[in-house]
Amino acid sequence: MVKPSTPSPSHESSSSSGSDEGTEYYPHLVFLQNKARREDFCPRKLRQMHLMIDQLMAHSHLRYKGTLSMLQCNVFPGLPPDFLDSEVNLFLMPFMDSEAESENPPRAGPSSSPLFSLLPGYRGHPSFQSLVSKLRSQVMSMARPQLSHTILTEKNWFHYAARIWDGVKKSSALAEYSRLLA
């Protein structure tokens, strides 16, 4: 989509202050730690990672908090939602399971007990495919800000595109390029 380079006159009169105008277009940051080990999924280690990222990004205007949560998607079922003071957009992904492991997963318990030999081994985290689907659903459900303060209809888009094309046709760079081609 083409975004107008100058705001519309109706927007200039309705704008109260320019201090918060720039924050609207900052992207959402998601910190994804791939190849996470079993100990990275420990609640204490998770809290340390969140605090470290929060301290590093404290002075940033980027949106790095509140849009993605491992606690809300039930990766840690025993932890309360308020376990982390300020939850940054951090998601942990374990090593990708190979197909051989998924066909023959490690079994728990000694081979002498038939009941425990049927249980899958403890990995300390959900499966890779489960975490990928949870991450995908949270990323797809993030709120997306509008490109402009007004609703961008097809008519408005065409108006902005025509204005930009007129500016391109009148530019000296295009005239010089046409002269060089001739």
Protein backbone atom coordinates (compact mmCIF):
# COMPACT_ATOMS: atom_id res chain seq x y z
CA MET A 1 0.00 0.00 0.00
CA VAL A 2 1.11 3.52 -0.63
CA LYS A 3 1.20 5.78 2.41
CA PRO A 4 0.91 9.54 1.91
CA SER A 5 4.08 11.47 2.65
CA THR A 6 2.20 14.35 4.24
CA PRO A 7 -0.71 14.03 6.66
CA SER A 8 -4.11 15.24 5.56
CA PRO A 9 -5.22 18.72 6.68
CA SER A 10 -8.00 17.26 8.85
CA HIS A 11 -5.38 15.28 10.79
CA GLU A 12 -3.19 18.35 11.43
CA SER A 13 -6.03 20.19 13.12
CA SER A 14 -7.06 17.22 15.27
CA SER A 15 -3.53 16.36 16.47
CA SER A 16 -3.05 17.33 20.10
CA SER A 17 0.65 16.62 20.59
CA GLY A 18 3.42 15.16 18.48
CA SER A 19 5.15 13.34 21.33
CA ASP A 20 3.21 10.08 21.02
CA GLU A 21 2.76 10.23 17.25
CA GLY A 22 6.05 8.47 16.46
CA THR A 23 5.46 5.50 18.74
CA GLU A 24 2.54 4.34 16.62
CA TYR A 25 4.79 3.04 13.87
CA TYR A 26 7.31 1.16 16.01
CA PRO A 27 7.36 -2.57 15.30
CA HIS A 28 6.56 -5.31 17.77
CA LEU A 29 9.73 -7.16 18.75
CA VAL A 30 9.61 -10.86 19.52
CA PHE A 31 12.65 -12.49 21.06
CA LEU A 32 12.86 -16.09 19.94
CA GLN A 33 15.48 -18.32 21.49
CA ASN A 34 15.97 -21.34 19.31
CA LYS A 35 17.78 -24.51 20.36
CA ALA A 36 16.71 -23.94 23.96
CA ARG A 37 17.82 -26.62 26.37
CA ARG A 38 15.75 -28.30 29.05
CA GLU A 39 17.13 -25.99 31.76
CA ASP A 40 16.04 -22.91 29.78
CA PHE A 41 12.43 -23.96 30.39
CA CYS A 42 12.95 -23.78 34.17
CA PRO A 43 10.75 -21.00 35.71
CA ARG A 44 13.72 -19.44 37.52
CA LYS A 45 15.77 -19.26 34.32
CA LEU A 46 12.76 -17.92 32.41
CA ARG A 47 12.37 -15.11 34.96
CA GLN A 48 16.09 -14.27 34.64
CA MET A 49 15.82 -14.06 30.85
CA HIS A 50 12.78 -11.79 31.08
CA LEU A 51 14.48 -9.47 33.57
CA MET A 52 17.65 -9.29 31.45
CA ILE A 53 15.77 -8.40 28.27
CA ASP A 54 13.63 -5.90 30.19
CA GLN A 55 16.74 -4.17 31.54
CA LEU A 56 18.40 -4.08 28.11
CA MET A 57 15.32 -2.68 26.37
CA ALA A 58 14.17 -0.31 29.16
CA HIS A 59 15.08 2.87 27.26
CA SER A 60 13.80 1.69 23.90
CA HIS A 61 10.59 2.89 22.28
CA LEU A 62 10.13 -0.44 20.50
CA ARG A 63 7.19 -2.60 21.55
CA TYR A 64 8.82 -5.53 23.28
CA LYS A 65 6.24 -6.29 26.00
CA GLY A 66 2.74 -7.56 26.32
CA THR A 67 1.87 -9.02 22.93
CA LEU A 68 3.26 -12.55 23.19
CA SER A 69 3.26 -14.78 26.25
CA MET A 70 4.48 -18.28 26.98
CA LEU A 71 2.39 -18.26 30.17
CA GLN A 72 -0.88 -17.52 28.39
CA CYS A 73 -0.46 -20.31 25.85
CA ASN A 74 -0.09 -22.85 28.68
CA VAL A 75 3.52 -23.87 28.09
CA PHE A 76 4.02 -23.63 31.86
CA PRO A 77 0.69 -24.93 33.21
CA GLY A 78 1.60 -24.66 36.91
CA LEU A 79 2.70 -21.01 36.85
CA PRO A 80 0.21 -18.23 37.61
CA PRO A 81 -0.24 -15.49 34.97
CA ASP A 82 1.38 -12.93 37.29
CA PHE A 83 4.54 -15.02 37.78
CA LEU A 84 6.57 -12.53 35.73
CA ASP A 85 6.51 -8.87 36.81
CA SER A 86 6.83 -7.55 33.28
CA GLU A 87 6.53 -10.16 30.58
CA VAL A 88 8.57 -9.41 27.48
CA ASN A 89 7.83 -10.99 24.11
CA LEU A 90 10.10 -13.99 24.61
CA PHE A 91 9.46 -17.44 23.22
CA LEU A 92 11.69 -20.47 23.67
CA MET A 93 12.00 -23.15 21.00
CA PRO A 94 13.79 -26.42 21.74
CA PHE A 95 15.91 -28.37 19.29
CA MET A 96 13.82 -29.56 16.38
CA ASP A 97 12.97 -33.21 16.89
CA SER A 98 14.28 -35.45 14.18
CA GLU A 99 11.88 -37.87 12.53
CA ALA A 100 13.72 -40.81 14.05
CA GLU A 101 13.06 -39.51 17.56
CA SER A 102 9.38 -38.90 16.84
CA GLU A 103 8.98 -42.46 15.54
CA ASN A 104 10.86 -44.00 18.48
CA PRO A 105 10.61 -41.55 21.40
CA PRO A 106 12.67 -42.33 24.49
CA ARG A 107 10.70 -44.26 27.10
CA ALA A 108 10.55 -43.48 30.78
CA GLY A 109 11.40 -45.80 33.61
CA PRO A 110 13.29 -49.06 33.78
CA SER A 111 12.47 -51.83 31.38
CA SER A 112 11.39 -54.07 34.27
CA SER A 113 8.14 -52.14 34.87
CA PRO A 114 5.78 -52.57 31.91
CA LEU A 115 3.56 -49.62 32.95
CA PHE A 116 6.37 -47.04 33.00
CA SER A 117 7.94 -48.35 29.82
CA LEU A 118 4.83 -47.25 27.90
CA LEU A 119 5.12 -43.61 29.05
CA PRO A 120 7.07 -41.16 26.89
CA GLY A 121 10.29 -39.74 28.32
CA TYR A 122 10.28 -36.41 30.15
CA ARG A 123 11.68 -33.63 27.97
CA GLY A 124 10.92 -30.65 30.22
CA HIS A 125 8.91 -28.85 27.52
CA PRO A 126 6.16 -29.52 24.99
CA SER A 127 7.01 -30.92 21.58
CA PHE A 128 8.57 -28.73 18.90
CA GLN A 129 5.46 -28.88 16.70
CA SER A 130 3.24 -27.89 19.62
CA LEU A 131 5.41 -24.88 20.43
CA VAL A 132 5.55 -23.81 16.78
CA SER A 133 1.75 -23.88 16.54
CA LYS A 134 1.42 -21.88 19.79
CA LEU A 135 3.95 -19.30 18.60
CA ARG A 136 2.24 -19.03 15.23
CA SER A 137 -1.19 -18.50 16.75
CA GLN A 138 0.13 -15.77 19.06
CA VAL A 139 2.01 -13.96 16.28
CA MET A 140 -1.04 -14.10 14.00
CA SER A 141 -3.30 -12.74 16.75
CA MET A 142 -1.13 -9.67 17.47
CA ALA A 143 -2.85 -6.34 16.92
CA ARG A 144 -1.65 -4.51 13.85
CA PRO A 145 -1.70 -0.71 13.85
CA GLN A 146 -3.25 1.17 10.95
CA LEU A 147 -1.01 2.87 8.40
CA SER A 148 -2.75 6.19 8.82
CA HIS A 149 -4.99 7.93 11.32
CA THR A 150 -7.90 7.81 8.89
CA ILE A 151 -9.48 4.73 7.41
CA LEU A 152 -7.70 3.92 4.15
CA THR A 153 -10.34 3.09 1.56
CA GLU A 154 -9.69 2.16 -2.06
CA LYS A 155 -10.73 5.66 -3.11
CA ASN A 156 -8.25 7.27 -0.67
CA TRP A 157 -5.51 4.84 -1.74
CA PHE A 158 -6.09 5.73 -5.41
CA HIS A 159 -5.98 9.44 -4.55
CA TYR A 160 -2.65 9.02 -2.71
CA ALA A 161 -1.23 6.84 -5.51
CA ALA A 162 -2.21 9.42 -8.14
CA ARG A 163 -0.62 12.22 -6.10
CA ILE A 164 2.61 10.26 -5.74
CA TRP A 165 2.67 9.36 -9.45
CA ASP A 166 2.22 13.05 -10.35
CA GLY A 167 5.18 13.85 -8.12
CA VAL A 168 7.27 11.15 -9.79
CA LYS A 169 6.36 12.39 -13.29
CA LYS A 170 7.36 15.95 -12.35
CA SER A 171 10.64 14.92 -10.71
CA SER A 172 13.92 15.93 -12.30
CA ALA A 173 15.36 12.43 -11.81
CA LEU A 174 12.73 10.87 -14.10
CA ALA A 175 13.23 13.60 -16.71
CA GLU A 176 16.98 13.03 -16.72
CA TYR A 177 16.51 9.25 -16.92
CA SER A 178 14.18 9.69 -19.93
CA ARG A 179 16.75 11.97 -21.57
CA LEU A 180 19.51 9.36 -21.05
CA LEU A 181 17.37 6.62 -22.61
CA ALA A 182 16.69 8.69 -25.76
